[in-house]
Amino acid sequence: MAIQTRLRRWGNSFGVVVPVEALRKKNLQEGEEVIIEIEKAEPVSKLFGSLKSWGINPQKVKDDIRKEEND
């Protein structure tokens, strides 16, 4: 499962807040160990128009993403 969140300073470290909905979907509880893969998010403005040359219907892509998130 992938989520997008922001880094926040906690003392001399950084942390992330995981939405409770994501934790519920994976049946995770406080204190459990998890593996986090970190990637820098691309600005949304950079993505606009990037699918034109692919010949893909953007609405279908959005619908597929929403369907995956709800599974």
PDB file of N, CA and C in Angstrom:
ATOM      1  N   MET A   1       0.847  -1.178   0.000  1.00  0.00           N
ATOM      2  CA  MET A   1       0.000   0.000   0.000  1.00  0.00           C
ATOM      3  C   MET A   1       0.892   1.239   0.000  1.00  0.00           C
ATOM      4  N   ALA A   2       0.538   2.202  -0.790  1.00  0.00           N
ATOM      5  CA  ALA A   2       1.278   3.464  -0.840  1.00  0.00           C
ATOM      6  C   ALA A   2       0.378   4.588  -0.341  1.00  0.00           C
ATOM      7  N   ILE A   3       0.943   5.470   0.466  1.00  0.00           N
ATOM      8  CA  ILE A   3       0.236   6.671   0.911  1.00  0.00           C
ATOM      9  C   ILE A   3       1.186   7.846   0.715  1.00  0.00           C
ATOM     10  N   GLN A   4       0.620   9.023   0.628  1.00  0.00           N
ATOM     11  CA  GLN A   4       1.447  10.222   0.532  1.00  0.00           C
ATOM     12  C   GLN A   4       1.255  11.012   1.809  1.00  0.00           C
ATOM     13  N   THR A   5       2.346  11.402   2.434  1.00  0.00           N
ATOM     14  CA  THR A   5       2.306  12.156   3.678  1.00  0.00           C
ATOM     15  C   THR A   5       3.500  13.102   3.699  1.00  0.00           C
ATOM     16  N   ARG A   6       3.596  13.925   4.716  1.00  0.00           N
ATOM     17  CA  ARG A   6       4.687  14.893   4.816  1.00  0.00           C
ATOM     18  C   ARG A   6       5.632  14.506   5.945  1.00  0.00           C
ATOM     19  N   LEU A   7       6.916  14.818   5.738  1.00  0.00           N
ATOM     20  CA  LEU A   7       7.888  14.658   6.813  1.00  0.00           C
ATOM     21  C   LEU A   7       7.674  15.763   7.832  1.00  0.00           C
ATOM     22  N   ARG A   8       7.811  15.396   9.097  1.00  0.00           N
ATOM     23  CA  ARG A   8       7.675  16.385  10.173  1.00  0.00           C
ATOM     24  C   ARG A   8       8.857  16.227  11.121  1.00  0.00           C
ATOM     25  N   ARG A   9       9.354  17.342  11.602  1.00  0.00           N
ATOM     26  CA  ARG A   9      10.482  17.296  12.527  1.00  0.00           C
ATOM     27  C   ARG A   9       9.982  16.879  13.912  1.00  0.00           C
ATOM     28  N   TRP A  10      10.682  15.905  14.493  1.00  0.00           N
ATOM     29  CA  TRP A  10      10.433  15.464  15.872  1.00  0.00           C
ATOM     30  C   TRP A  10      11.776  15.464  16.582  1.00  0.00           C
ATOM     31  N   GLY A  11      12.060  16.522  17.309  1.00  0.00           N
ATOM     32  CA  GLY A  11      13.360  16.633  17.968  1.00  0.00           C
ATOM     33  C   GLY A  11      14.458  16.716  16.930  1.00  0.00           C
ATOM     34  N   ASN A  12      15.447  15.822  17.037  1.00  0.00           N
ATOM     35  CA  ASN A  12      16.553  15.786  16.076  1.00  0.00           C
ATOM     36  C   ASN A  12      16.286  14.829  14.924  1.00  0.00           C
ATOM     37  N   SER A  13      15.078  14.300  14.820  1.00  0.00           N
ATOM     38  CA  SER A  13      14.724  13.329  13.784  1.00  0.00           C
ATOM     39  C   SER A  13      13.565  13.856  12.954  1.00  0.00           C
ATOM     40  N   PHE A  14      13.137  13.049  12.006  1.00  0.00           N
ATOM     41  CA  PHE A  14      11.943  13.332  11.232  1.00  0.00           C
ATOM     42  C   PHE A  14      11.008  12.148  11.377  1.00  0.00           C
ATOM     43  N   GLY A  15       9.721  12.402  11.235  1.00  0.00           N
ATOM     44  CA  GLY A  15       8.734  11.334  11.309  1.00  0.00           C
ATOM     45  C   GLY A  15       7.650  11.574  10.286  1.00  0.00           C
ATOM     46  N   VAL A  16       6.811  10.566  10.102  1.00  0.00           N
ATOM     47  CA  VAL A  16       5.662  10.677   9.211  1.00  0.00           C
ATOM     48  C   VAL A  16       4.416  10.271   9.979  1.00  0.00           C
ATOM     49  N   VAL A  17       3.296  10.855   9.609  1.00  0.00           N
ATOM     50  CA  VAL A  17       2.009  10.498  10.189  1.00  0.00           C
ATOM     51  C   VAL A  17       1.290   9.615   9.179  1.00  0.00           C
ATOM     52  N   VAL A  18       0.850   8.449   9.638  1.00  0.00           N
ATOM     53  CA  VAL A  18       0.127   7.516   8.777  1.00  0.00           C
ATOM     54  C   VAL A  18      -1.354   7.640   9.107  1.00  0.00           C
ATOM     55  N   PRO A  19      -2.199   7.927   8.120  1.00  0.00           N
ATOM     56  CA  PRO A  19      -3.632   8.063   8.383  1.00  0.00           C
ATOM     57  C   PRO A  19      -4.211   6.776   8.975  1.00  0.00           C
ATOM     58  N   VAL A  20      -5.113   6.927   9.934  1.00  0.00           N
ATOM     59  CA  VAL A  20      -5.695   5.774  10.618  1.00  0.00           C
ATOM     60  C   VAL A  20      -6.423   4.848   9.646  1.00  0.00           C
ATOM     61  N   GLU A  21      -6.984   5.391   8.558  1.00  0.00           N
ATOM     62  CA  GLU A  21      -7.673   4.550   7.571  1.00  0.00           C
ATOM     63  C   GLU A  21      -6.699   3.555   6.943  1.00  0.00           C
ATOM     64  N   ALA A  22      -5.474   4.003   6.666  1.00  0.00           N
ATOM     65  CA  ALA A  22      -4.461   3.116   6.086  1.00  0.00           C
ATOM     66  C   ALA A  22      -4.074   2.028   7.082  1.00  0.00           C
ATOM     67  N   LEU A  23      -3.979   2.383   8.355  1.00  0.00           N
ATOM     68  CA  LEU A  23      -3.644   1.396   9.383  1.00  0.00           C
ATOM     69  C   LEU A  23      -4.747   0.357   9.524  1.00  0.00           C
ATOM     70  N   ARG A  24      -5.974   0.805   9.471  1.00  0.00           N
ATOM     71  CA  ARG A  24      -7.107  -0.127   9.580  1.00  0.00           C
ATOM     72  C   ARG A  24      -7.141  -1.101   8.412  1.00  0.00           C
ATOM     73  N   LYS A  25      -6.871  -0.597   7.197  1.00  0.00           N
ATOM     74  CA  LYS A  25      -6.887  -1.467   6.015  1.00  0.00           C
ATOM     75  C   LYS A  25      -5.873  -2.598   6.137  1.00  0.00           C
ATOM     76  N   LYS A  26      -4.760  -2.337   6.797  1.00  0.00           N
ATOM     77  CA  LYS A  26      -3.710  -3.347   6.955  1.00  0.00           C
ATOM     78  C   LYS A  26      -3.749  -4.009   8.335  1.00  0.00           C
ATOM     79  N   ASN A  27      -4.768  -3.682   9.128  1.00  0.00           N
ATOM     80  CA  ASN A  27      -4.941  -4.263  10.465  1.00  0.00           C
ATOM     81  C   ASN A  27      -3.684  -4.070  11.320  1.00  0.00           C
ATOM     82  N   LEU A  28      -3.152  -2.855  11.326  1.00  0.00           N
ATOM     83  CA  LEU A  28      -1.951  -2.534  12.091  1.00  0.00           C
ATOM     84  C   LEU A  28      -2.323  -1.847  13.395  1.00  0.00           C
ATOM     85  N   GLN A  29      -1.533  -2.111  14.423  1.00  0.00           N
ATOM     86  CA  GLN A  29      -1.749  -1.544  15.750  1.00  0.00           C
ATOM     87  C   GLN A  29      -0.503  -0.752  16.164  1.00  0.00           C
ATOM     88  N   GLU A  30      -0.670   0.117  17.145  1.00  0.00           N
ATOM     89  CA  GLU A  30       0.452   0.872  17.690  1.00  0.00           C
ATOM     90  C   GLU A  30       1.524  -0.092  18.203  1.00  0.00           C
ATOM     91  N   GLY A  31       2.771   0.213  17.895  1.00  0.00           N
ATOM     92  CA  GLY A  31       3.885  -0.594  18.373  1.00  0.00           C
ATOM     93  C   GLY A  31       4.353  -1.669  17.404  1.00  0.00           C
ATOM     94  N   GLU A  32       3.561  -1.957  16.365  1.00  0.00           N
ATOM     95  CA  GLU A  32       3.972  -2.964  15.387  1.00  0.00           C
ATOM     96  C   GLU A  32       5.039  -2.384  14.465  1.00  0.00           C
ATOM     97  N   GLU A  33       5.947  -3.237  14.029  1.00  0.00           N
ATOM     98  CA  GLU A  33       6.981  -2.806  13.092  1.00  0.00           C
ATOM     99  C   GLU A  33       6.435  -2.833  11.676  1.00  0.00           C
ATOM    100  N   VAL A  34       6.833  -1.844  10.894  1.00  0.00           N
ATOM    101  CA  VAL A  34       6.429  -1.756   9.491  1.00  0.00           C
ATOM    102  C   VAL A  34       7.662  -1.442   8.651  1.00  0.00           C
ATOM    103  N   ILE A  35       7.564  -1.708   7.373  1.00  0.00           N
ATOM    104  CA  ILE A  35       8.622  -1.346   6.430  1.00  0.00           C
ATOM    105  C   ILE A  35       8.112  -0.160   5.618  1.00  0.00           C
ATOM    106  N   ILE A  36       8.919   0.879   5.528  1.00  0.00           N
ATOM    107  CA  ILE A  36       8.533   2.080   4.789  1.00  0.00           C
ATOM    108  C   ILE A  36       9.516   2.285   3.643  1.00  0.00           C
ATOM    109  N   GLU A  37       8.985   2.408   2.437  1.00  0.00           N
ATOM    110  CA  GLU A  37       9.803   2.727   1.266  1.00  0.00           C
ATOM    111  C   GLU A  37       9.627   4.212   0.993  1.00  0.00           C
ATOM    112  N   ILE A  38      10.720   4.937   0.895  1.00  0.00           N
ATOM    113  CA  ILE A  38      10.654   6.392   0.771  1.00  0.00           C
ATOM    114  C   ILE A  38      10.997   6.823  -0.649  1.00  0.00           C
ATOM    115  N   GLU A  39      10.126   7.654  -1.239  1.00  0.00           N
ATOM    116  CA  GLU A  39      10.362   8.268  -2.541  1.00  0.00           C
ATOM    117  C   GLU A  39       9.915   9.716  -2.456  1.00  0.00           C
ATOM    118  N   LYS A  40      10.620  10.584  -3.121  1.00  0.00           N
ATOM    119  CA  LYS A  40      10.222  11.987  -3.158  1.00  0.00           C
ATOM    120  C   LYS A  40       9.030  12.128  -4.090  1.00  0.00           C
ATOM    121  N   ALA A  41       7.989  12.800  -3.634  1.00  0.00           N
ATOM    122  CA  ALA A  41       6.778  13.004  -4.439  1.00  0.00           C
ATOM    123  C   ALA A  41       7.049  14.042  -5.521  1.00  0.00           C
ATOM    124  N   GLU A  42       6.540  13.778  -6.714  1.00  0.00           N
ATOM    125  CA  GLU A  42       6.640  14.738  -7.811  1.00  0.00           C
ATOM    126  C   GLU A  42       5.528  15.769  -7.654  1.00  0.00           C
ATOM    127  N   PRO A  43       5.797  17.028  -7.967  1.00  0.00           N
ATOM    128  CA  PRO A  43       4.727  18.029  -7.915  1.00  0.00           C
ATOM    129  C   PRO A  43       3.615  17.663  -8.900  1.00  0.00           C
ATOM    130  N   VAL A  44       2.386  17.830  -8.482  1.00  0.00           N
ATOM    131  CA  VAL A  44       1.240  17.486  -9.318  1.00  0.00           C
ATOM    132  C   VAL A  44       1.275  18.260 -10.630  1.00  0.00           C
ATOM    133  N   SER A  45       1.720  19.500 -10.597  1.00  0.00           N
ATOM    134  CA  SER A  45       1.744  20.319 -11.812  1.00  0.00           C
ATOM    135  C   SER A  45       2.637  19.700 -12.888  1.00  0.00           C
ATOM    136  N   LYS A  46       3.635  18.935 -12.487  1.00  0.00           N
ATOM    137  CA  LYS A  46       4.533  18.299 -13.448  1.00  0.00           C
ATOM    138  C   LYS A  46       3.844  17.147 -14.184  1.00  0.00           C
ATOM    139  N   LEU A  47       2.799  16.590 -13.585  1.00  0.00           N
ATOM    140  CA  LEU A  47       2.106  15.449 -14.167  1.00  0.00           C
ATOM    141  C   LEU A  47       1.038  15.838 -15.185  1.00  0.00           C
ATOM    142  N   PHE A  48       0.517  17.068 -15.110  1.00  0.00           N
ATOM    143  CA  PHE A  48      -0.555  17.476 -16.014  1.00  0.00           C
ATOM    144  C   PHE A  48      -0.110  17.389 -17.469  1.00  0.00           C
ATOM    145  N   GLY A  49      -0.911  16.706 -18.279  1.00  0.00           N
ATOM    146  CA  GLY A  49      -0.629  16.571 -19.695  1.00  0.00           C
ATOM    147  C   GLY A  49       0.361  15.475 -20.043  1.00  0.00           C
ATOM    148  N   SER A  50       0.880  14.773 -19.058  1.00  0.00           N
ATOM    149  CA  SER A  50       1.909  13.766 -19.336  1.00  0.00           C
ATOM    150  C   SER A  50       1.351  12.495 -19.965  1.00  0.00           C
ATOM    151  N   LEU A  51       0.038  12.270 -19.904  1.00  0.00           N
ATOM    152  CA  LEU A  51      -0.546  11.052 -20.472  1.00  0.00           C
ATOM    153  C   LEU A  51      -1.047  11.231 -21.904  1.00  0.00           C
ATOM    154  N   LYS A  52      -0.982  12.437 -22.450  1.00  0.00           N
ATOM    155  CA  LYS A  52      -1.523  12.687 -23.791  1.00  0.00           C
ATOM    156  C   LYS A  52      -0.899  11.778 -24.839  1.00  0.00           C
ATOM    157  N   SER A  53       0.397  11.603 -24.802  1.00  0.00           N
ATOM    158  CA  SER A  53       1.078  10.794 -25.816  1.00  0.00           C
ATOM    159  C   SER A  53       0.851   9.298 -25.613  1.00  0.00           C
ATOM    160  N   TRP A  54       0.326   8.885 -24.477  1.00  0.00           N
ATOM    161  CA  TRP A  54       0.089   7.469 -24.197  1.00  0.00           C
ATOM    162  C   TRP A  54      -1.195   6.965 -24.833  1.00  0.00           C
ATOM    163  N   GLY A  55      -2.102   7.864 -25.180  1.00  0.00           N
ATOM    164  CA  GLY A  55      -3.388   7.455 -25.734  1.00  0.00           C
ATOM    165  C   GLY A  55      -4.270   6.776 -24.701  1.00  0.00           C
ATOM    166  N   ILE A  56      -4.138   7.185 -23.443  1.00  0.00           N
ATOM    167  CA  ILE A  56      -4.908   6.593 -22.343  1.00  0.00           C
ATOM    168  C   ILE A  56      -5.959   7.592 -21.883  1.00  0.00           C
ATOM    169  N   ASN A  57      -7.137   7.083 -21.569  1.00  0.00           N
ATOM    170  CA  ASN A  57      -8.209   7.920 -21.049  1.00  0.00           C
ATOM    171  C   ASN A  57      -7.919   8.237 -19.576  1.00  0.00           C
ATOM    172  N   PRO A  58      -7.658   9.513 -19.235  1.00  0.00           N
ATOM    173  CA  PRO A  58      -7.333   9.866 -17.852  1.00  0.00           C
ATOM    174  C   PRO A  58      -8.438   9.503 -16.859  1.00  0.00           C
ATOM    175  N   GLN A  59      -9.691   9.597 -17.275  1.00  0.00           N
ATOM    176  CA  GLN A  59     -10.783   9.250 -16.369  1.00  0.00           C
ATOM    177  C   GLN A  59     -10.723   7.770 -16.008  1.00  0.00           C
ATOM    178  N   LYS A  60     -10.388   6.920 -16.988  1.00  0.00           N
ATOM    179  CA  LYS A  60     -10.266   5.484 -16.724  1.00  0.00           C
ATOM    180  C   LYS A  60      -9.122   5.217 -15.746  1.00  0.00           C
ATOM    181  N   VAL A  61      -8.017   5.936 -15.894  1.00  0.00           N
ATOM    182  CA  VAL A  61      -6.884   5.783 -14.980  1.00  0.00           C
ATOM    183  C   VAL A  61      -7.311   6.142 -13.562  1.00  0.00           C
ATOM    184  N   LYS A  62      -8.013   7.278 -13.403  1.00  0.00           N
ATOM    185  CA  LYS A  62      -8.480   7.687 -12.073  1.00  0.00           C
ATOM    186  C   LYS A  62      -9.438   6.664 -11.487  1.00  0.00           C
ATOM    187  N   ASP A  63     -10.354   6.152 -12.303  1.00  0.00           N
ATOM    188  CA  ASP A  63     -11.305   5.144 -11.829  1.00  0.00           C
ATOM    189  C   ASP A  63     -10.586   3.880 -11.375  1.00  0.00           C
ATOM    190  N   ASP A  64      -9.571   3.455 -12.128  1.00  0.00           N
ATOM    191  CA  ASP A  64      -8.800   2.260 -11.764  1.00  0.00           C
ATOM    192  C   ASP A  64      -8.056   2.463 -10.448  1.00  0.00           C
ATOM    193  N   ILE A  65      -7.489   3.648 -10.256  1.00  0.00           N
ATOM    194  CA  ILE A  65      -6.775   3.948  -9.010  1.00  0.00           C
ATOM    195  C   ILE A  65      -7.738   3.911  -7.832  1.00  0.00           C
ATOM    196  N   ARG A  66      -8.898   4.532  -7.988  1.00  0.00           N
ATOM    197  CA  ARG A  66      -9.887   4.525  -6.902  1.00  0.00           C
ATOM    198  C   ARG A  66     -10.335   3.108  -6.577  1.00  0.00           C
ATOM    199  N   LYS A  67     -10.513   2.290  -7.607  1.00  0.00           N
ATOM    200  CA  LYS A  67     -10.926   0.901  -7.399  1.00  0.00           C
ATOM    201  C   LYS A  67      -9.859   0.150  -6.602  1.00  0.00           C
ATOM    202  N   GLU A  68      -8.573   0.352  -6.948  1.00  0.00           N
ATOM    203  CA  GLU A  68      -7.473  -0.291  -6.223  1.00  0.00           C
ATOM    204  C   GLU A  68      -7.447   0.143  -4.770  1.00  0.00           C
ATOM    205  N   GLU A  69      -7.651   1.438  -4.508  1.00  0.00           N
ATOM    206  CA  GLU A  69      -7.617   1.952  -3.140  1.00  0.00           C
ATOM    207  C   GLU A  69      -8.722   1.349  -2.290  1.00  0.00           C
ATOM    208  N   ASN A  70      -9.852   1.046  -2.888  1.00  0.00           N
ATOM    209  CA  ASN A  70     -10.982   0.504  -2.136  1.00  0.00           C
ATOM    210  C   ASN A  70     -10.924  -1.006  -1.965  1.00  0.00           C
ATOM    211  N   ASP A  71     -10.015  -1.664  -2.658  1.00  0.00           N
ATOM    212  CA  ASP A  71      -9.881  -3.130  -2.522  1.00  0.00           C
ATOM    213  C   ASP A  71      -9.103  -3.505  -1.291  1.00  0.00           C
TER     214      ASP A  71
END
